[in-house]
Amino acid sequence: MAHEKILREYGESWPDYQLLDAGNGKKLERWGQLITIRPDLQADFKPGWPFAEWQSLAAWEFEEQSSTQGRWKKLKADAPEHWLIAYQNLNFGLKLTKFKHVGLFPEQQANWRFIKEQVSAGKKVLNLFAYTGAASLVACEAGADVVHVDSVKQMLGWANENRERSHLSDIHWVLEDALKFALREVKRGKHYDGIIMDPPAWGLGVKGEKWKLEHQLSGLMATAYELMNPGAFLILNTYSPKIELADLAKSAELYFQANQLEIKQLWMQSKTGKELFCGNLLRAIK
């Protein structure tokens, strides 16, 4: 599959979220009324505003202590460690974590729009590596019967709290390794009308087994295809620096025709006009 021109799709800001600025390996974000500074390797350019201005605006700044963890530095005395924001009719509880995340990946707004277009009442949706559940909530609100799978118990709890805050009917919660669950669903003969996968680039499984996305990509694609009903949609995000658009295309073309596929980059634009790369994205309709 030749990609003469790399396509981009942009996650859009909404009333309770905006990427304000980015640069020098960091990004400045507003979540409701609270502003944070977080590291971002893709912000390898000059920011729009001086860093002193960032620090005057922000309530918290994340300081890396290793390649995977760090701590939050309080910049405003009254800064809360937990707070709420909304996306349309959905409500999310955010909090500071030692992994720099706060409980939402705002660039995924591009996929939330897509899910809302694809899902209708009675559709069955499987959300793998589902984290705190934004995509699950979007699908549930649209009327889907949602199965939400994550291997971290705390994340299931966080996602269920978001469901309760959003006054949605229940979701099927599964505490398990996402790929292992999906493979068992294949054996059980289960099928879905939509599959959402946002796998980590690397990590450890439930029993400490090592996970590297570049080694699992072909298996994920094959398993997802087996689980898809005719007309079902697939969303696959990748943040791994070892997986290029061409790798996504090569894996997908074993199962989908070119006219069934969208393969593109996911970006966000800041208030200052800076453009930030947020990963690669594949969508397919079977």
Protein backbone atom coordinates (compact mmCIF):
# COMPACT_ATOMS: atom_id res chain seq x y z
CA MET A 1 0.00 0.00 0.00
CA ALA A 2 1.79 3.12 -1.18
CA HIS A 3 1.39 6.30 0.81
CA GLU A 4 2.57 9.09 -1.45
CA LYS A 5 1.23 11.66 0.96
CA ILE A 6 0.97 11.07 4.69
CA LEU A 7 -2.52 11.93 5.86
CA ARG A 8 -3.13 13.67 9.16
CA GLU A 9 -6.15 13.74 11.42
CA TYR A 10 -6.40 16.23 14.25
CA GLY A 11 -7.89 15.79 17.68
CA GLU A 12 -9.86 18.95 18.40
CA SER A 13 -10.04 21.00 21.58
CA TRP A 14 -13.36 21.27 23.43
CA PRO A 15 -14.62 23.59 26.19
CA ASP A 16 -12.90 21.61 28.98
CA TYR A 17 -9.62 20.84 27.17
CA GLN A 18 -7.10 22.76 25.11
CA LEU A 19 -3.49 22.23 24.11
CA LEU A 20 -2.24 25.73 24.83
CA ASP A 21 1.37 25.46 23.65
CA ALA A 22 4.15 22.93 23.04
CA GLY A 23 7.90 22.98 22.57
CA ASN A 24 11.29 22.20 24.09
CA GLY A 25 10.12 18.65 24.90
CA LYS A 26 7.04 19.73 26.86
CA LYS A 27 3.38 20.61 26.41
CA LEU A 28 1.12 23.09 28.19
CA GLU A 29 -2.48 21.89 28.57
CA ARG A 30 -5.68 23.24 30.10
CA TRP A 31 -8.01 20.68 31.67
CA GLY A 32 -11.11 22.57 32.74
CA GLN A 33 -9.67 25.43 34.77
CA LEU A 34 -6.45 23.60 35.70
CA ILE A 35 -3.28 23.91 33.59
CA THR A 36 -0.44 21.38 33.54
CA ILE A 37 3.04 21.09 32.05
CA ARG A 38 4.00 17.59 30.92
CA PRO A 39 6.97 16.18 28.97
CA ASP A 40 6.46 15.17 25.34
CA LEU A 41 9.32 13.89 23.18
CA GLN A 42 7.51 14.92 20.01
CA ALA A 43 7.60 18.60 21.00
CA ASP A 44 11.09 18.99 19.53
CA PHE A 45 10.63 22.59 18.38
CA LYS A 46 10.52 26.06 19.84
CA PRO A 47 7.38 26.89 21.88
CA GLY A 48 5.13 29.81 21.09
CA TRP A 49 5.32 31.36 24.56
CA PRO A 50 8.32 31.75 26.92
CA PHE A 51 8.60 29.04 29.56
CA ALA A 52 8.27 31.64 32.33
CA GLU A 53 4.77 32.34 31.03
CA TRP A 54 3.97 28.62 31.09
CA GLN A 55 5.00 28.42 34.73
CA SER A 56 2.94 31.46 35.65
CA LEU A 57 -0.15 29.78 34.19
CA ALA A 58 0.33 26.16 35.28
CA ALA A 59 -0.81 24.58 38.53
CA TRP A 60 1.35 21.45 38.16
CA GLU A 61 4.52 20.51 36.31
CA PHE A 62 5.62 16.91 35.83
CA GLU A 63 9.33 16.30 36.41
CA GLU A 64 10.77 13.07 35.02
CA GLN A 65 12.88 10.99 37.40
CA SER A 66 13.38 8.05 35.01
CA SER A 67 12.29 7.09 31.51
CA THR A 68 8.98 5.80 32.87
CA GLN A 69 8.19 7.67 36.08
CA GLY A 70 8.48 10.99 37.83
CA ARG A 71 6.80 13.37 40.23
CA TRP A 72 4.51 16.37 40.05
CA LYS A 73 5.76 19.77 41.21
CA LYS A 74 3.06 22.07 42.58
CA LEU A 75 3.23 25.57 41.06
CA LYS A 76 0.08 27.01 42.66
CA ALA A 77 -0.63 26.63 46.36
CA ASP A 78 -4.31 25.76 45.92
CA ALA A 79 -3.80 23.29 43.06
CA PRO A 80 -6.00 20.16 43.51
CA GLU A 81 -4.67 16.64 42.89
CA HIS A 82 -8.11 15.41 41.75
CA TRP A 83 -10.60 17.29 39.57
CA LEU A 84 -13.40 16.78 37.07
CA ILE A 85 -13.84 17.73 33.43
CA ALA A 86 -16.56 17.07 30.86
CA TYR A 87 -16.62 16.06 27.21
CA GLN A 88 -20.08 16.75 25.82
CA ASN A 89 -22.40 14.75 28.14
CA LEU A 90 -19.59 12.62 29.63
CA ASN A 91 -17.76 13.34 32.87
CA PHE A 92 -14.23 12.29 33.73
CA GLY A 93 -12.32 12.29 36.98
CA LEU A 94 -8.71 13.30 36.50
CA LYS A 95 -5.80 12.89 38.90
CA LEU A 96 -2.03 13.08 38.97
CA THR A 97 -0.16 9.81 38.36
CA LYS A 98 3.53 8.97 38.61
CA PHE A 99 3.49 8.07 34.89
CA LYS A 100 2.71 11.73 33.85
CA HIS A 101 -0.81 10.83 32.69
CA VAL A 102 -3.90 12.34 34.30
CA GLY A 103 -6.55 9.89 33.07
CA LEU A 104 -7.43 11.04 29.57
CA PHE A 105 -5.69 11.07 26.19
CA PRO A 106 -7.23 14.16 24.55
CA GLU A 107 -5.90 13.43 21.06
CA GLN A 108 -8.32 10.49 21.08
CA GLN A 109 -11.13 13.00 20.57
CA ALA A 110 -10.55 12.27 16.87
CA ASN A 111 -11.56 8.65 17.50
CA TRP A 112 -14.44 9.58 19.80
CA ARG A 113 -15.95 11.47 16.87
CA PHE A 114 -15.52 8.40 14.65
CA ILE A 115 -17.02 6.03 17.24
CA LYS A 116 -20.05 8.27 17.61
CA GLU A 117 -20.57 8.15 13.83
CA GLN A 118 -20.26 4.35 13.67
CA VAL A 119 -22.18 3.17 16.73
CA SER A 120 -25.93 2.85 17.13
CA ALA A 121 -28.23 1.15 19.60
CA GLY A 122 -27.62 -2.56 20.02
CA LYS A 123 -24.18 -2.67 18.44
CA LYS A 124 -21.55 -4.74 20.27
CA VAL A 125 -18.23 -3.00 20.87
CA LEU A 126 -15.02 -4.45 22.31
CA ASN A 127 -12.54 -1.98 23.81
CA LEU A 128 -9.14 -3.58 24.43
CA PHE A 129 -6.37 -1.91 26.50
CA ALA A 130 -9.24 0.31 27.55
CA TYR A 131 -7.57 2.41 30.30
CA THR A 132 -9.98 4.83 32.03
CA GLY A 133 -12.74 4.23 29.53
CA ALA A 134 -13.33 7.34 27.44
CA ALA A 135 -13.92 5.34 24.24
CA SER A 136 -16.09 2.87 26.16
CA LEU A 137 -18.24 5.70 27.49
CA VAL A 138 -18.61 7.29 24.05
CA ALA A 139 -19.75 3.96 22.60
CA CYS A 140 -22.04 3.24 25.56
CA GLU A 141 -23.68 6.65 25.32
CA ALA A 142 -24.36 5.97 21.62
CA GLY A 143 -26.26 2.81 22.60
CA ALA A 144 -23.62 0.11 22.26
CA ASP A 145 -23.27 -3.00 24.39
CA VAL A 146 -19.64 -2.47 25.50
CA VAL A 147 -17.04 -4.96 26.71
CA HIS A 148 -14.15 -3.07 28.35
CA VAL A 149 -10.89 -4.98 28.89
CA ASP A 150 -7.85 -3.84 30.86
CA SER A 151 -5.22 -5.75 32.83
CA VAL A 152 -4.96 -3.16 35.65
CA LYS A 153 -7.64 -3.36 38.36
CA GLN A 154 -7.28 0.30 39.33
CA MET A 155 -8.00 1.35 35.75
CA LEU A 156 -11.23 -0.67 35.68
CA GLY A 157 -12.29 1.07 38.87
CA TRP A 158 -11.41 4.49 37.47
CA ALA A 159 -13.35 3.75 34.27
CA ASN A 160 -16.41 2.59 36.24
CA GLU A 161 -16.31 5.80 38.29
CA ASN A 162 -16.35 7.75 35.02
CA ARG A 163 -19.35 5.69 33.89
CA GLU A 164 -21.17 6.49 37.11
CA ARG A 165 -20.31 10.19 36.81
CA SER A 166 -21.73 10.14 33.30
CA HIS A 167 -24.97 8.37 34.38
CA LEU A 168 -24.59 5.57 31.84
CA SER A 169 -25.90 2.02 31.99
CA ASP A 170 -23.43 -0.66 32.93
CA ILE A 171 -20.50 -1.83 30.85
CA HIS A 172 -19.07 -5.38 30.88
CA TRP A 173 -15.80 -5.04 32.80
CA VAL A 174 -13.03 -7.59 32.15
CA LEU A 175 -9.83 -7.66 34.20
CA GLU A 176 -7.49 -9.58 31.92
CA ASP A 177 -4.68 -9.42 29.39
CA ALA A 178 -6.36 -7.89 26.33
CA LEU A 179 -4.91 -10.18 23.65
CA LYS A 180 -5.51 -13.34 25.68
CA PHE A 181 -9.13 -12.34 26.23
CA ALA A 182 -9.58 -11.56 22.54
CA LEU A 183 -8.13 -14.95 21.53
CA ARG A 184 -10.56 -16.70 23.87
CA GLU A 185 -13.44 -14.72 22.37
CA VAL A 186 -12.40 -16.07 18.95
CA LYS A 187 -12.50 -19.63 20.30
CA ARG A 188 -15.93 -18.93 21.80
CA GLY A 189 -17.18 -17.81 18.39
CA LYS A 190 -17.94 -14.27 19.55
CA HIS A 191 -18.21 -11.36 17.11
CA TYR A 192 -18.38 -7.60 17.49
CA ASP A 193 -19.59 -4.61 15.48
CA GLY A 194 -16.65 -2.48 16.58
CA ILE A 195 -13.20 -3.12 18.04
CA ILE A 196 -11.07 -0.41 19.65
CA MET A 197 -7.41 -1.07 20.42
CA ASP A 198 -5.04 1.44 22.00
CA PRO A 199 -2.17 -0.88 23.02
CA PRO A 200 0.90 0.30 24.93
CA ALA A 201 4.21 0.37 23.08
CA TRP A 202 5.71 -1.79 25.81
CA GLY A 203 4.88 -3.06 29.27
CA LEU A 204 4.32 -6.05 31.51
CA GLY A 205 1.36 -8.40 31.43
CA VAL A 206 -0.75 -9.55 34.36
CA LYS A 207 1.84 -12.20 35.30
CA GLY A 208 4.89 -10.06 34.54
CA GLU A 209 5.32 -11.21 30.94
CA LYS A 210 7.05 -8.68 28.69
CA TRP A 211 5.00 -6.92 26.03
CA LYS A 212 6.44 -5.16 22.97
CA LEU A 213 3.88 -3.93 20.48
CA GLU A 214 6.07 -4.49 17.41
CA HIS A 215 6.13 -8.22 18.28
CA GLN A 216 2.37 -8.41 18.86
CA LEU A 217 1.02 -6.27 16.01
CA SER A 218 0.34 -9.08 13.53
CA GLY A 219 -1.39 -11.18 16.18
CA LEU A 220 -3.55 -8.26 17.25
CA MET A 221 -4.60 -7.58 13.67
CA ALA A 222 -5.42 -11.22 12.94
CA THR A 223 -7.41 -11.63 16.15
CA ALA A 224 -9.35 -8.39 15.65
CA TYR A 225 -10.30 -9.43 12.12
CA GLU A 226 -11.60 -12.79 13.35
CA LEU A 227 -13.82 -11.02 15.88
CA MET A 228 -15.35 -8.53 13.44
CA ASN A 229 -18.85 -8.90 12.03
CA PRO A 230 -19.33 -7.86 8.38
CA GLY A 231 -19.48 -4.06 8.38
CA ALA A 232 -17.71 -3.80 11.75
CA PHE A 233 -15.15 -1.06 12.39
CA LEU A 234 -11.64 -1.36 13.79
CA ILE A 235 -9.61 1.40 15.44
CA LEU A 236 -5.94 0.78 16.22
CA ASN A 237 -3.67 3.46 17.70
CA THR A 238 0.07 2.99 18.01
CA TYR A 239 2.52 5.15 19.94
CA SER A 240 5.53 2.89 19.45
CA PRO A 241 8.50 4.56 17.72
CA LYS A 242 9.28 1.15 16.21
CA ILE A 243 5.99 0.97 14.28
CA GLU A 244 5.68 3.11 11.15
CA LEU A 245 2.64 3.75 8.97
CA ALA A 246 4.07 1.21 6.52
CA ASP A 247 4.07 -1.44 9.26
CA LEU A 248 0.40 -0.80 9.95
CA ALA A 249 -0.37 -1.01 6.23
CA LYS A 250 1.56 -4.26 5.83
CA SER A 251 -0.30 -5.90 8.73
CA ALA A 252 -3.70 -4.63 7.66
CA GLU A 253 -3.44 -5.50 3.96
CA LEU A 254 -3.47 -9.20 4.80
CA TYR A 255 -7.12 -8.76 5.82
CA PHE A 256 -8.55 -5.55 4.36
CA GLN A 257 -8.79 -4.03 0.90
CA ALA A 258 -7.35 -0.57 0.32
CA ASN A 259 -10.82 0.96 0.13
CA GLN A 260 -11.64 -0.46 3.57
CA LEU A 261 -8.68 1.25 5.25
CA GLU A 262 -7.63 4.61 6.62
CA ILE A 263 -4.00 4.83 7.74
CA LYS A 264 -2.84 8.22 8.96
CA GLN A 265 -1.05 10.20 11.64
CA LEU A 266 -2.81 11.64 14.67
CA TRP A 267 -1.95 15.25 15.55
CA MET A 268 -3.08 18.11 17.77
CA GLN A 269 -2.69 21.84 17.18
CA SER A 270 -2.00 24.20 20.06
CA LYS A 271 -3.54 27.61 20.72
CA THR A 272 -0.19 29.07 19.65
CA GLY A 273 -0.33 27.23 16.32
CA LYS A 274 2.21 24.52 17.14
CA GLU A 275 1.47 21.07 15.71
CA LEU A 276 2.16 18.03 17.88
CA PHE A 277 2.43 14.46 16.56
CA CYS A 278 0.46 12.02 18.75
CA GLY A 279 0.97 8.64 17.08
CA ASN A 280 -0.18 6.54 14.13
CA LEU A 281 -3.77 5.53 13.50
CA LEU A 282 -5.46 2.76 11.55
CA ARG A 283 -9.19 2.50 10.95
CA ALA A 284 -10.85 -0.24 8.93
CA ILE A 285 -14.36 -1.29 8.00
CA LYS A 286 -14.78 -5.00 7.28
